[in-house]
Amino acid sequence: MFEHPYGPLSLLPPLAAIVLAIATRRVVLSLCSGVFLGALILSGGNPWRAVAAMLEDHLWTSLTDPAHLRVFAFTALMGAMVGVVHRSGGMLGVVQLLAPWARGRRSGQIVTWLLGLAVFFDDYANTLLLGTTLRPLADRLGISREKLAYLADSTAAPVAGLALVSTWVAGEIGFIQAGFAGLDTGTVDVDAFRIFVATIPYRFYVLWALMLVPLVALLGRDIGSMWRAERRALAERRRCDAVATDQPPSDQAEVPPRWHNAILPVFVVIGVTGWLLVATGRQSLIAEARQSGAEGEAATTSADPVDPPMSAEGPSPGWLDSFAAGDSYLALLYGSLAGLVTALVWIRWQGTVSWDELRAAGLGGARQMLPALIVLWLAWALSAMTDQDRLGTAVYLGQLLEGRISAPWLPTTVFVLSSLVAFATGTSWGTMGILMPLVIRVAWQVLSADGRPDAVHDPLLLATIGSVLAGAIFGDHCSPLSDTTILSSHASGCNHVEHVRTQIPYALLAGGVAILAGTLPVGFGASPWLMPPLAAAALIIGLCWFGRRVDGP
């Protein structure tokens, strides 16, 4: 077996950052400490070299990465758009629009969950749109910011990871394809997309996390720190209701509430982002087809110079394939820019808010996203430090798995391993990309040794691949280093560490049920289609056992 150069030391930087963040609640300081510790390990213990490497090789590289810069710009533009929309009375208009369907805490959480399912195409867009748009509604209904962050986070990565049309699908399919690339599958044709679809019933944590949200709302029960946060929010709402008549009118009351000031820019963001995903994906696929055609034409011409070859371009790619191959970072950037411009022009045309007020509101909204951008920057730097070319944290954990597992335990073990890697690194995508080839190779060897002839379509292999995809999101939900967790807390106006503290009990409940009513039974031969009713019953029992009712309408 390949000897890992750092071994257990590769776990120290992310674990130190996580422990410090939870203990001190100072996320930026904790992340900086983790990055420095990783640089110190990579520098052989020399503190001066570690400082230089931390600044140049890790922080600066993370800051100037083109994909990261696009995410920074997208997040700032979304913050500016939300600031403009809020100043124009758009948020208040949305609250009034949703009021007939969200009359109380229970229905408000259900409406938030349904809106989260509707924004399925990207996890970043989901968290920012839900968190920023629904804050006034949550405040009016006495729903805590911690609960809003949980609702946004639980319908971001899970929905995007399951959707057949999302910014995740191409990456997930690519990871699966890479896993099968080096295997001897004989005469079996491996279709990564078909395998991706076939794993959906086996992604138990993702499915049960989405099921848990409406159960929490319907039962009216919350667990631990979330129960205390909900009690505080409910008490604050009642206090505000009691003194509402004594409060002077706010500046916002001068602008009439108009829901279309918020809804129109959001639809522009979604529409432009989707259109650009299709356009950039189609352009990429056509370029690949032309390159393949040119290579084929050269081979044909050299083989038979008499007969010219036919055109290799073929038909234009379909919109679904184009969407999957699109440039998500570019699409999100220009989609958010289009939304901001639409909001500015549409609101100024109404004449209710001046240009100076709109400019101040936009700058203020973008400035509010600055803490999230700083935490994102540091989290990305720490995540890159743990990849296989540096500390190799996931590779080390993967080595602990290889050769130590039997076929029935594959899905459960892989789910736990994937969760640990995502928790330690803060990236679900990185976890999938690193673990998927390793896990598919190990599962293939185990199933072949177990005498299973059709390993490609074996339910255990599908469950194992699904466990990688689901475990990565489970660990991501529990990790304070996760980008979607960071964006969820800041978009919802919630302290980041408090969001992690209040969300972990729900993630652990869904994760435990994913094992007891998911990976374990399936590993020993049960059908995945028998699991949903068992999981629903287990989640209800768990909420009733660990949760307490929050007194509210």
Protein backbone atom coordinates (compact mmCIF):
# COMPACT_ATOMS: atom_id res chain seq x y z
CA MET A 1 0.00 0.00 0.00
CA PHE A 2 1.17 3.55 -0.78
CA GLU A 3 2.62 5.13 2.36
CA HIS A 4 0.94 8.43 3.08
CA PRO A 5 3.53 11.20 3.57
CA TYR A 6 1.68 12.92 6.43
CA GLY A 7 -0.59 10.25 7.89
CA PRO A 8 -2.65 11.44 10.88
CA LEU A 9 -1.05 14.90 10.62
CA SER A 10 -3.18 15.52 7.52
CA LEU A 11 -6.25 15.60 9.78
CA LEU A 12 -4.95 18.27 12.16
CA PRO A 13 -5.55 21.53 10.23
CA PRO A 14 -9.25 21.02 9.45
CA LEU A 15 -9.98 19.47 12.83
CA ALA A 16 -8.19 22.31 14.65
CA ALA A 17 -10.20 24.89 12.69
CA ILE A 18 -13.49 23.11 13.44
CA VAL A 19 -12.80 22.66 17.17
CA LEU A 20 -11.64 26.26 17.57
CA ALA A 21 -14.64 27.62 15.66
CA ILE A 22 -17.10 25.72 17.84
CA ALA A 23 -15.25 26.50 21.06
CA THR A 24 -14.50 30.20 20.49
CA ARG A 25 -17.25 31.16 17.98
CA ARG A 26 -14.58 33.20 16.16
CA VAL A 27 -14.68 31.66 12.71
CA VAL A 28 -12.12 33.87 10.95
CA LEU A 29 -9.48 33.37 13.65
CA SER A 30 -10.15 29.62 13.71
CA LEU A 31 -9.81 29.29 9.93
CA CYS A 32 -6.61 31.33 9.93
CA SER A 33 -5.22 29.04 12.63
CA GLY A 34 -6.09 25.97 10.56
CA VAL A 35 -4.47 27.41 7.43
CA PHE A 36 -1.31 28.30 9.37
CA LEU A 37 -1.14 24.85 10.97
CA GLY A 38 -1.44 23.22 7.54
CA ALA A 39 1.26 25.50 6.13
CA LEU A 40 3.46 24.63 9.11
CA ILE A 41 3.08 20.90 8.43
CA LEU A 42 3.76 21.34 4.71
CA SER A 43 6.83 23.49 5.51
CA GLY A 44 8.39 20.80 7.67
CA GLY A 45 7.80 22.68 10.93
CA ASN A 46 9.61 25.89 9.93
CA PRO A 47 7.39 28.77 11.16
CA TRP A 48 8.97 31.45 8.92
CA ARG A 49 8.52 29.38 5.79
CA ALA A 50 5.01 28.55 6.98
CA VAL A 51 4.05 32.25 7.20
CA ALA A 52 5.37 32.92 3.69
CA ALA A 53 3.65 29.81 2.29
CA MET A 54 0.39 30.67 4.05
CA LEU A 55 0.30 34.14 2.51
CA GLU A 56 1.55 33.35 -0.99
CA ASP A 57 0.83 29.70 -1.74
CA HIS A 58 -2.51 29.37 0.01
CA LEU A 59 -4.33 32.63 0.81
CA TRP A 60 -3.26 34.53 -2.31
CA THR A 61 -3.85 31.53 -4.57
CA SER A 62 -7.32 31.03 -3.12
CA LEU A 63 -8.16 34.73 -3.48
CA THR A 64 -7.10 34.98 -7.14
CA ASP A 65 -8.66 31.75 -8.35
CA PRO A 66 -10.98 32.72 -11.28
CA ALA A 67 -13.83 30.51 -10.07
CA HIS A 68 -13.58 31.98 -6.57
CA LEU A 69 -13.57 35.53 -7.92
CA ARG A 70 -16.77 34.80 -9.83
CA VAL A 71 -18.40 33.47 -6.65
CA PHE A 72 -17.25 36.57 -4.75
CA ALA A 73 -18.72 38.83 -7.44
CA PHE A 74 -21.96 36.80 -7.60
CA THR A 75 -22.40 36.97 -3.83
CA ALA A 76 -21.70 40.72 -3.68
CA LEU A 77 -24.07 41.42 -6.58
CA MET A 78 -26.80 39.37 -4.94
CA GLY A 79 -26.27 41.30 -1.71
CA ALA A 80 -26.53 44.58 -3.62
CA MET A 81 -29.71 43.42 -5.36
CA VAL A 82 -31.27 42.43 -2.06
CA GLY A 83 -30.37 45.82 -0.56
CA VAL A 84 -32.01 47.63 -3.47
CA VAL A 85 -35.09 45.41 -3.36
CA HIS A 86 -35.45 45.87 0.38
CA ARG A 87 -35.23 49.68 0.10
CA SER A 88 -37.94 49.69 -2.58
CA GLY A 89 -40.50 47.85 -0.45
CA GLY A 90 -40.07 44.59 -2.35
CA MET A 91 -39.41 42.46 0.72
CA LEU A 92 -42.44 43.78 2.51
CA GLY A 93 -44.47 43.13 -0.62
CA VAL A 94 -43.30 39.50 -0.68
CA VAL A 95 -44.33 39.10 2.95
CA GLN A 96 -47.79 40.43 2.16
CA LEU A 97 -48.00 38.23 -0.95
CA LEU A 98 -47.14 35.08 1.00
CA ALA A 99 -49.26 36.02 4.02
CA PRO A 100 -52.36 34.03 2.88
CA TRP A 101 -50.25 30.85 2.66
CA ALA A 102 -47.94 31.57 5.61
CA ARG A 103 -50.24 32.60 8.43
CA GLY A 104 -48.29 30.93 11.22
CA ARG A 105 -44.97 29.34 12.07
CA ARG A 106 -45.95 25.93 10.72
CA SER A 107 -47.19 27.13 7.34
CA GLY A 108 -44.29 29.62 7.09
CA GLN A 109 -41.76 26.81 7.35
CA ILE A 110 -43.66 24.72 4.81
CA VAL A 111 -43.74 27.64 2.35
CA THR A 112 -39.98 28.15 2.81
CA TRP A 113 -39.37 24.45 2.19
CA LEU A 114 -41.47 24.48 -1.00
CA LEU A 115 -39.66 27.55 -2.29
CA GLY A 116 -36.36 25.80 -1.57
CA LEU A 117 -37.47 22.83 -3.66
CA ALA A 118 -38.41 25.23 -6.46
CA VAL A 119 -34.93 26.81 -6.64
CA PHE A 120 -33.35 23.50 -7.60
CA PHE A 121 -30.79 24.53 -10.19
CA ASP A 122 -27.96 25.73 -7.89
CA ASP A 123 -27.14 25.55 -4.19
CA TYR A 124 -25.53 29.00 -3.97
CA ALA A 125 -28.50 30.66 -5.63
CA ASN A 126 -30.86 28.68 -3.39
CA THR A 127 -29.28 29.78 -0.11
CA LEU A 128 -28.88 33.43 -1.09
CA LEU A 129 -32.33 33.82 -2.62
CA LEU A 130 -34.18 32.06 0.21
CA GLY A 131 -32.21 33.53 3.07
CA THR A 132 -32.26 37.14 1.96
CA THR A 133 -35.78 37.19 0.54
CA LEU A 134 -37.58 35.43 3.39
CA ARG A 135 -35.96 37.14 6.36
CA PRO A 136 -38.85 39.63 6.81
CA LEU A 137 -41.39 36.82 6.59
CA ALA A 138 -39.52 34.76 9.19
CA ASP A 139 -39.30 37.75 11.53
CA ARG A 140 -43.02 38.48 11.17
CA LEU A 141 -43.96 34.87 11.95
CA GLY A 142 -41.57 34.48 14.89
CA ILE A 143 -39.30 32.02 13.06
CA SER A 144 -35.71 32.38 14.25
CA ARG A 145 -32.88 33.28 11.90
CA GLU A 146 -31.27 29.97 12.92
CA LYS A 147 -34.33 28.07 11.70
CA LEU A 148 -34.36 30.06 8.44
CA ALA A 149 -30.69 29.21 7.88
CA TYR A 150 -31.47 25.53 8.52
CA LEU A 151 -34.38 25.62 6.06
CA ALA A 152 -32.22 27.28 3.39
CA ASP A 153 -29.25 24.95 3.95
CA SER A 154 -31.37 21.79 3.95
CA THR A 155 -32.93 22.61 0.59
CA ALA A 156 -29.76 23.81 -1.16
CA ALA A 157 -27.19 21.07 -1.73
CA PRO A 158 -29.72 18.21 -1.31
CA VAL A 159 -32.02 19.58 -4.02
CA ALA A 160 -29.20 20.56 -6.36
CA GLY A 161 -27.53 17.19 -5.86
CA LEU A 162 -30.70 15.25 -6.72
CA ALA A 163 -31.97 17.39 -9.61
CA LEU A 164 -31.33 16.14 -13.14
CA VAL A 165 -31.08 19.75 -14.26
CA SER A 166 -28.68 21.61 -11.97
CA THR A 167 -25.15 22.95 -11.76
CA TRP A 168 -24.18 19.78 -9.85
CA VAL A 169 -25.21 17.10 -12.31
CA ALA A 170 -22.27 17.34 -14.70
CA GLY A 171 -19.77 17.17 -11.85
CA GLU A 172 -21.45 14.20 -10.18
CA ILE A 173 -21.67 12.30 -13.46
CA GLY A 174 -18.05 13.15 -14.20
CA PHE A 175 -16.92 11.80 -10.83
CA ILE A 176 -18.77 8.53 -11.48
CA GLN A 177 -17.30 8.28 -14.99
CA ALA A 178 -13.80 8.84 -13.60
CA GLY A 179 -14.35 6.06 -11.09
CA PHE A 180 -15.17 3.52 -13.78
CA ALA A 181 -12.48 4.72 -16.20
CA GLY A 182 -9.72 2.47 -14.89
CA LEU A 183 -11.80 -0.67 -14.26
CA ASP A 184 -11.98 -3.80 -16.38
CA THR A 185 -15.73 -4.05 -16.90
CA GLY A 186 -15.46 -6.63 -19.68
CA THR A 187 -18.18 -6.24 -22.30
CA VAL A 188 -20.41 -4.10 -20.05
CA ASP A 189 -20.95 -0.56 -21.32
CA VAL A 190 -20.85 1.82 -18.35
CA ASP A 191 -23.24 4.76 -18.78
CA ALA A 192 -22.39 7.21 -16.00
CA PHE A 193 -25.66 9.13 -16.42
CA ARG A 194 -27.77 5.99 -16.03
CA ILE A 195 -25.81 5.03 -12.95
CA PHE A 196 -26.27 8.56 -11.56
CA VAL A 197 -30.05 8.26 -11.96
CA ALA A 198 -30.07 4.73 -10.54
CA THR A 199 -28.33 5.92 -7.36
CA ILE A 200 -31.07 8.45 -6.48
CA PRO A 201 -33.13 5.96 -4.36
CA TYR A 202 -29.93 5.07 -2.49
CA ARG A 203 -29.00 8.63 -1.43
CA PHE A 204 -30.69 8.15 1.89
CA TYR A 205 -29.36 11.12 3.84
CA VAL A 206 -30.33 13.58 1.11
CA LEU A 207 -33.84 12.14 0.86
CA TRP A 208 -34.39 11.93 4.60
CA ALA A 209 -33.02 15.46 5.19
CA LEU A 210 -35.57 16.80 2.72
CA MET A 211 -38.28 14.73 4.43
CA LEU A 212 -37.28 15.96 7.88
CA VAL A 213 -37.92 19.66 7.16
CA PRO A 214 -41.74 19.42 6.74
CA LEU A 215 -41.93 16.94 9.63
CA VAL A 216 -40.26 19.49 11.91
CA ALA A 217 -42.79 22.09 10.80
CA LEU A 218 -45.85 19.84 11.08
CA LEU A 219 -44.94 18.39 14.48
CA GLY A 220 -43.89 21.78 15.86
CA ARG A 221 -40.96 20.22 17.67
CA ASP A 222 -37.36 21.42 17.79
CA ILE A 223 -34.19 19.99 19.26
CA GLY A 224 -31.65 21.50 21.66
CA SER A 225 -30.23 24.87 20.65
CA MET A 226 -32.81 25.30 17.90
CA TRP A 227 -35.63 25.03 20.44
CA ARG A 228 -34.07 27.82 22.50
CA ALA A 229 -33.57 29.98 19.40
CA GLU A 230 -37.18 29.45 18.37
CA ARG A 231 -38.40 30.35 21.86
CA ARG A 232 -36.40 33.59 21.76
CA ALA A 233 -37.73 34.48 18.29
CA LEU A 234 -41.32 33.78 19.34
CA ALA A 235 -40.95 35.87 22.48
CA GLU A 236 -39.45 38.71 20.46
CA ARG A 237 -42.30 38.61 17.97
CA ARG A 238 -44.86 38.77 20.76
CA ARG A 239 -43.02 41.68 22.37
CA CYS A 240 -42.94 43.54 19.05
CA ASP A 241 -46.64 42.86 18.51
CA ALA A 242 -47.40 44.26 21.95
CA VAL A 243 -45.56 47.54 21.38
CA ALA A 244 -46.14 47.88 17.63
CA THR A 245 -48.64 50.71 18.05
CA ASP A 246 -46.12 52.73 20.07
CA GLN A 247 -43.32 52.53 17.48
CA PRO A 248 -42.61 55.49 15.20
CA PRO A 249 -42.94 54.79 11.47
CA SER A 250 -39.77 53.57 9.77
CA ASP A 251 -38.20 54.87 6.60
CA GLN A 252 -39.35 51.72 4.85
CA ALA A 253 -42.99 52.65 5.47
CA GLU A 254 -42.53 55.68 3.18
CA VAL A 255 -42.24 53.34 0.18
CA PRO A 256 -45.36 51.34 -0.77
CA PRO A 257 -44.89 47.54 -0.54
CA ARG A 258 -44.68 46.10 -4.05
CA TRP A 259 -44.00 42.39 -4.39
CA HIS A 260 -42.97 42.66 -8.04
CA ASN A 261 -39.95 44.75 -7.00
CA ALA A 262 -38.56 41.55 -5.45
CA ILE A 263 -40.05 38.85 -7.68
CA LEU A 264 -39.06 40.36 -11.04
CA PRO A 265 -35.30 40.59 -10.29
CA VAL A 266 -35.33 37.05 -8.85
CA PHE A 267 -36.96 35.69 -12.00
CA VAL A 268 -34.42 37.56 -14.11
CA VAL A 269 -31.59 35.97 -12.10
CA ILE A 270 -33.08 32.50 -12.61
CA GLY A 271 -33.89 33.06 -16.28
CA VAL A 272 -30.56 34.59 -17.30
CA THR A 273 -28.61 32.02 -15.29
CA GLY A 274 -30.49 29.14 -16.92
CA TRP A 275 -30.13 30.64 -20.40
CA LEU A 276 -26.39 31.16 -19.94
CA LEU A 277 -25.96 27.62 -18.63
CA VAL A 278 -27.57 26.25 -21.78
CA ALA A 279 -25.68 28.65 -24.07
CA THR A 280 -22.24 28.03 -22.56
CA GLY A 281 -22.89 24.29 -22.36
CA ARG A 282 -23.97 24.10 -26.00
CA GLN A 283 -20.89 26.08 -27.05
CA SER A 284 -18.64 23.76 -25.06
CA LEU A 285 -20.23 20.60 -26.49
CA ILE A 286 -20.06 21.90 -30.07
CA ALA A 287 -16.38 22.78 -29.58
CA GLU A 288 -15.70 19.27 -28.28
CA ALA A 289 -17.59 17.73 -31.20
CA ARG A 290 -15.64 19.81 -33.71
CA GLN A 291 -12.36 18.83 -32.13
CA SER A 292 -13.34 15.15 -32.19
CA GLY A 293 -14.54 15.56 -35.78
CA ALA A 294 -11.28 17.18 -36.81
CA GLU A 295 -9.30 14.34 -35.26
CA GLY A 296 -11.54 11.78 -36.99
CA GLU A 297 -11.25 13.62 -40.31
CA ALA A 298 -7.47 13.61 -40.09
CA ALA A 299 -7.45 9.89 -39.38
CA THR A 300 -9.85 9.14 -42.24
CA THR A 301 -7.94 11.32 -44.71
CA SER A 302 -4.67 9.63 -43.89
CA ALA A 303 -6.28 6.22 -44.27
CA ASP A 304 -8.21 6.94 -47.49
CA PRO A 305 -7.16 10.14 -49.29
CA VAL A 306 -9.42 9.44 -52.30
CA ASP A 307 -12.87 9.74 -50.66
CA PRO A 308 -13.36 12.90 -48.53
CA PRO A 309 -15.03 12.28 -45.16
CA MET A 310 -18.47 13.52 -44.23
CA SER A 311 -19.00 16.36 -41.73
CA ALA A 312 -18.52 15.21 -38.14
CA GLU A 313 -20.39 18.03 -36.43
CA GLY A 314 -23.72 16.19 -36.24
CA PRO A 315 -26.90 17.63 -34.73
CA SER A 316 -26.89 20.44 -32.21
CA PRO A 317 -26.75 19.16 -28.60
CA GLY A 318 -30.02 19.08 -26.64
CA TRP A 319 -30.81 21.61 -23.95
CA LEU A 320 -30.53 19.06 -21.13
CA ASP A 321 -27.00 18.04 -22.13
CA SER A 322 -26.12 21.69 -22.70
CA PHE A 323 -27.45 22.67 -19.27
CA ALA A 324 -25.37 19.98 -17.59
CA ALA A 325 -22.20 21.08 -19.42
CA GLY A 326 -22.71 24.81 -18.79
CA ASP A 327 -20.29 27.15 -17.01
CA SER A 328 -22.12 27.63 -13.70
CA TYR A 329 -19.77 30.27 -12.30
CA LEU A 330 -20.09 32.48 -15.37
CA ALA A 331 -23.87 31.96 -15.51
CA LEU A 332 -24.36 32.85 -11.85
CA LEU A 333 -22.19 35.95 -12.15
CA TYR A 334 -24.01 37.45 -15.11
CA GLY A 335 -27.39 36.24 -13.89
CA SER A 336 -26.93 38.18 -10.64
CA LEU A 337 -25.67 41.21 -12.56
CA ALA A 338 -28.77 41.11 -14.77
CA GLY A 339 -30.96 40.85 -11.67
CA LEU A 340 -29.30 43.89 -10.07
CA VAL A 341 -29.60 45.99 -13.23
CA THR A 342 -33.25 44.96 -13.59
CA ALA A 343 -33.99 45.93 -9.99
CA LEU A 344 -32.31 49.33 -10.39
CA VAL A 345 -34.04 50.21 -13.66
CA TRP A 346 -37.46 48.86 -12.67
CA ILE A 347 -37.51 50.56 -9.26
CA ARG A 348 -36.12 53.88 -10.49
CA TRP A 349 -38.70 53.91 -13.30
CA GLN A 350 -41.43 53.86 -10.64
CA GLY A 351 -40.03 57.08 -9.18
CA THR A 352 -40.48 56.05 -5.54
CA VAL A 353 -36.73 55.88 -4.69
CA SER A 354 -33.96 58.21 -5.88
CA TRP A 355 -30.73 57.10 -7.52
CA ASP A 356 -28.72 58.16 -4.47
CA GLU A 357 -30.92 56.04 -2.19
CA LEU A 358 -30.65 53.07 -4.54
CA ARG A 359 -26.87 53.41 -4.75
CA ALA A 360 -26.57 53.60 -0.97
CA ALA A 361 -28.88 50.59 -0.54
CA GLY A 362 -26.92 48.53 -3.09
CA LEU A 363 -23.56 49.35 -1.51
CA GLY A 364 -24.95 48.56 1.92
CA GLY A 365 -26.31 45.21 0.75
CA ALA A 366 -23.00 44.25 -0.86
CA ARG A 367 -21.12 45.35 2.27
CA GLN A 368 -23.26 43.04 4.40
CA MET A 369 -21.92 40.07 2.41
CA LEU A 370 -18.29 40.95 3.19
CA PRO A 371 -18.04 38.73 6.33
CA ALA A 372 -19.35 35.77 4.32
CA LEU A 373 -16.79 36.41 1.57
CA ILE A 374 -13.91 36.51 4.06
CA VAL A 375 -14.99 33.23 5.64
CA LEU A 376 -15.47 31.67 2.20
CA TRP A 377 -11.98 32.75 1.16
CA LEU A 378 -10.35 31.21 4.23
CA ALA A 379 -12.46 28.04 4.02
CA TRP A 380 -11.47 27.54 0.37
CA ALA A 381 -7.81 28.01 1.25
CA LEU A 382 -8.04 25.38 3.99
CA SER A 383 -9.98 23.03 1.72
CA ALA A 384 -7.36 23.31 -1.04
CA MET A 385 -4.66 22.60 1.53
CA THR A 386 -6.25 19.22 2.34
CA ASP A 387 -6.46 18.02 -1.28
CA GLN A 388 -4.54 15.04 -2.60
CA ASP A 389 -1.67 17.14 -4.01
CA ARG A 390 -0.86 18.63 -0.58
CA LEU A 391 -1.88 17.12 2.75
CA GLY A 392 -4.03 14.39 1.16
CA THR A 393 -6.55 14.23 4.02
CA ALA A 394 -9.14 12.27 2.02
CA VAL A 395 -6.50 9.90 0.63
CA TYR A 396 -5.37 9.06 4.14
CA LEU A 397 -8.93 8.37 5.28
CA GLY A 398 -9.49 6.30 2.15
CA GLN A 399 -6.47 4.14 2.94
CA LEU A 400 -8.08 3.27 6.26
CA LEU A 401 -11.01 1.81 4.30
CA GLU A 402 -9.23 -0.25 1.65
CA GLY A 403 -8.94 -3.94 2.45
CA ARG A 404 -10.92 -3.73 5.71
CA ILE A 405 -14.53 -4.14 4.60
CA SER A 406 -16.96 -6.86 3.48
CA ALA A 407 -19.69 -6.45 0.84
CA PRO A 408 -22.77 -5.94 3.10
CA TRP A 409 -21.00 -3.16 5.02
CA LEU A 410 -19.87 -1.24 1.95
CA PRO A 411 -22.69 1.38 1.81
CA THR A 412 -22.58 2.16 5.55
CA THR A 413 -18.80 2.35 5.79
CA VAL A 414 -18.52 4.52 2.69
CA PHE A 415 -21.28 6.82 3.96
CA VAL A 416 -19.45 7.35 7.26
CA LEU A 417 -16.10 7.85 5.51
CA SER A 418 -17.53 10.33 3.03
CA SER A 419 -19.17 12.23 5.89
CA LEU A 420 -15.90 12.45 7.80
CA VAL A 421 -14.00 13.71 4.76
CA ALA A 422 -16.61 16.37 3.98
CA PHE A 423 -16.75 17.42 7.63
CA ALA A 424 -12.98 17.76 7.84
CA THR A 425 -12.50 19.50 4.49
CA GLY A 426 -15.74 21.51 4.26
CA THR A 427 -16.36 20.61 0.63
CA SER A 428 -18.88 18.14 -0.71
CA TRP A 429 -17.56 18.48 -4.27
CA GLY A 430 -13.99 17.85 -3.19
CA THR A 431 -15.12 14.82 -1.22
CA MET A 432 -16.94 13.38 -4.21
CA GLY A 433 -14.06 14.06 -6.57
CA ILE A 434 -11.43 12.47 -4.34
CA LEU A 435 -13.36 9.55 -2.91
CA MET A 436 -15.47 8.43 -5.87
CA PRO A 437 -12.64 6.78 -7.90
CA LEU A 438 -11.23 5.16 -4.77
CA VAL A 439 -14.60 3.90 -3.53
CA ILE A 440 -15.68 2.52 -6.91
CA ARG A 441 -12.37 0.65 -7.21
CA VAL A 442 -12.66 -0.80 -3.71
CA ALA A 443 -16.34 -1.73 -4.19
CA TRP A 444 -15.55 -3.37 -7.53
CA GLN A 445 -12.85 -5.50 -5.94
CA VAL A 446 -15.04 -6.48 -2.99
CA LEU A 447 -18.05 -7.38 -5.17
CA SER A 448 -15.92 -9.32 -7.66
CA ALA A 449 -14.30 -11.27 -4.84
CA ASP A 450 -17.79 -11.94 -3.45
CA GLY A 451 -18.77 -13.70 -6.70
CA ARG A 452 -21.16 -11.09 -8.11
CA PRO A 453 -20.92 -11.30 -11.93
CA ASP A 454 -22.86 -8.13 -12.86
CA ALA A 455 -21.09 -5.72 -10.53
CA VAL A 456 -21.89 -2.63 -12.63
CA HIS A 457 -25.63 -2.93 -11.98
CA ASP A 458 -25.33 -4.53 -8.54
CA PRO A 459 -27.54 -2.76 -5.95
CA LEU A 460 -24.63 -2.76 -3.53
CA LEU A 461 -22.47 -0.80 -5.97
CA LEU A 462 -25.30 1.66 -6.62
CA ALA A 463 -25.83 2.04 -2.87
CA THR A 464 -22.10 2.57 -2.35
CA ILE A 465 -21.92 5.28 -5.02
CA GLY A 466 -25.05 6.87 -3.58
CA SER A 467 -23.42 6.80 -0.14
CA VAL A 468 -20.52 8.89 -1.44
CA LEU A 469 -22.91 11.49 -2.87
CA ALA A 470 -25.12 11.53 0.24
CA GLY A 471 -22.34 11.33 2.81
CA ALA A 472 -20.56 14.29 1.22
CA ILE A 473 -23.65 16.44 1.78
CA PHE A 474 -24.14 15.11 5.33
CA GLY A 475 -20.60 16.05 6.33
CA ASP A 476 -21.00 19.36 4.52
CA HIS A 477 -24.11 20.15 6.58
CA CYS A 478 -22.23 19.51 9.83
CA SER A 479 -19.04 21.37 8.95
CA PRO A 480 -18.45 25.04 9.84
CA LEU A 481 -15.98 25.12 6.93
CA SER A 482 -18.64 24.44 4.27
CA ASP A 483 -19.28 27.17 1.70
CA THR A 484 -23.04 26.55 1.54
CA THR A 485 -23.24 26.52 5.34
CA ILE A 486 -21.39 29.85 5.43
CA LEU A 487 -23.65 31.40 2.79
CA SER A 488 -26.80 30.05 4.47
CA SER A 489 -25.96 31.64 7.80
CA HIS A 490 -24.97 35.02 6.38
CA ALA A 491 -27.85 35.21 3.91
CA SER A 492 -30.28 34.46 6.73
CA GLY A 493 -28.73 37.02 9.08
CA CYS A 494 -27.67 34.32 11.54
CA ASN A 495 -24.42 33.91 13.47
CA HIS A 496 -22.44 31.28 11.59
CA VAL A 497 -21.41 29.15 14.57
CA GLU A 498 -24.97 29.28 15.93
CA HIS A 499 -26.23 28.00 12.57
CA VAL A 500 -23.82 25.06 12.79
CA ARG A 501 -24.77 24.36 16.41
CA THR A 502 -28.51 24.41 15.72
CA GLN A 503 -28.35 22.45 12.45
CA ILE A 504 -26.12 19.58 13.59
CA PRO A 505 -28.83 17.79 15.68
CA TYR A 506 -31.12 17.64 12.65
CA ALA A 507 -28.31 16.50 10.39
CA LEU A 508 -27.32 13.81 12.89
CA LEU A 509 -30.93 12.64 13.16
CA ALA A 510 -31.27 12.37 9.39
CA GLY A 511 -27.82 10.77 9.15
CA GLY A 512 -28.61 8.19 11.82
CA VAL A 513 -31.88 7.29 10.12
CA ALA A 514 -30.02 7.12 6.79
CA ILE A 515 -27.94 4.31 8.31
CA LEU A 516 -30.66 2.50 10.27
CA ALA A 517 -33.34 2.83 7.56
CA GLY A 518 -31.06 2.98 4.57
CA THR A 519 -27.49 1.82 4.13
CA LEU A 520 -27.59 -1.05 6.65
CA PRO A 521 -30.80 -2.77 5.43
CA VAL A 522 -29.87 -2.26 1.77
CA GLY A 523 -26.39 -3.64 2.42
CA PHE A 524 -27.98 -6.87 3.63
CA GLY A 525 -30.37 -7.16 0.68
CA ALA A 526 -33.43 -5.01 1.45
CA SER A 527 -35.05 -3.00 -1.32
CA PRO A 528 -34.56 0.80 -1.17
CA TRP A 529 -38.24 1.28 -2.01
CA LEU A 530 -39.18 -0.18 1.40
CA MET A 531 -37.14 2.46 3.24
CA PRO A 532 -39.25 5.69 2.95
CA PRO A 533 -42.07 4.63 5.34
CA LEU A 534 -39.53 3.24 7.79
CA ALA A 535 -37.52 6.43 7.58
CA ALA A 536 -40.59 8.62 8.09
CA ALA A 537 -41.56 6.63 11.18
CA ALA A 538 -38.00 6.81 12.56
CA LEU A 539 -37.78 10.57 11.97
CA ILE A 540 -41.12 11.15 13.70
CA ILE A 541 -40.06 9.04 16.67
CA GLY A 542 -36.73 10.88 16.83
CA LEU A 543 -38.40 14.29 16.78
CA CYS A 544 -40.89 13.26 19.46
CA TRP A 545 -38.16 11.74 21.61
CA PHE A 546 -35.49 14.44 21.35
CA GLY A 547 -37.57 17.49 20.42
CA ARG A 548 -39.82 19.79 22.42
CA ARG A 549 -42.81 21.76 21.24
CA VAL A 550 -42.42 25.47 20.66
CA ASP A 551 -45.45 27.34 21.90
CA GLY A 552 -46.80 29.23 18.91
CA PRO A 553 -49.65 29.47 16.43
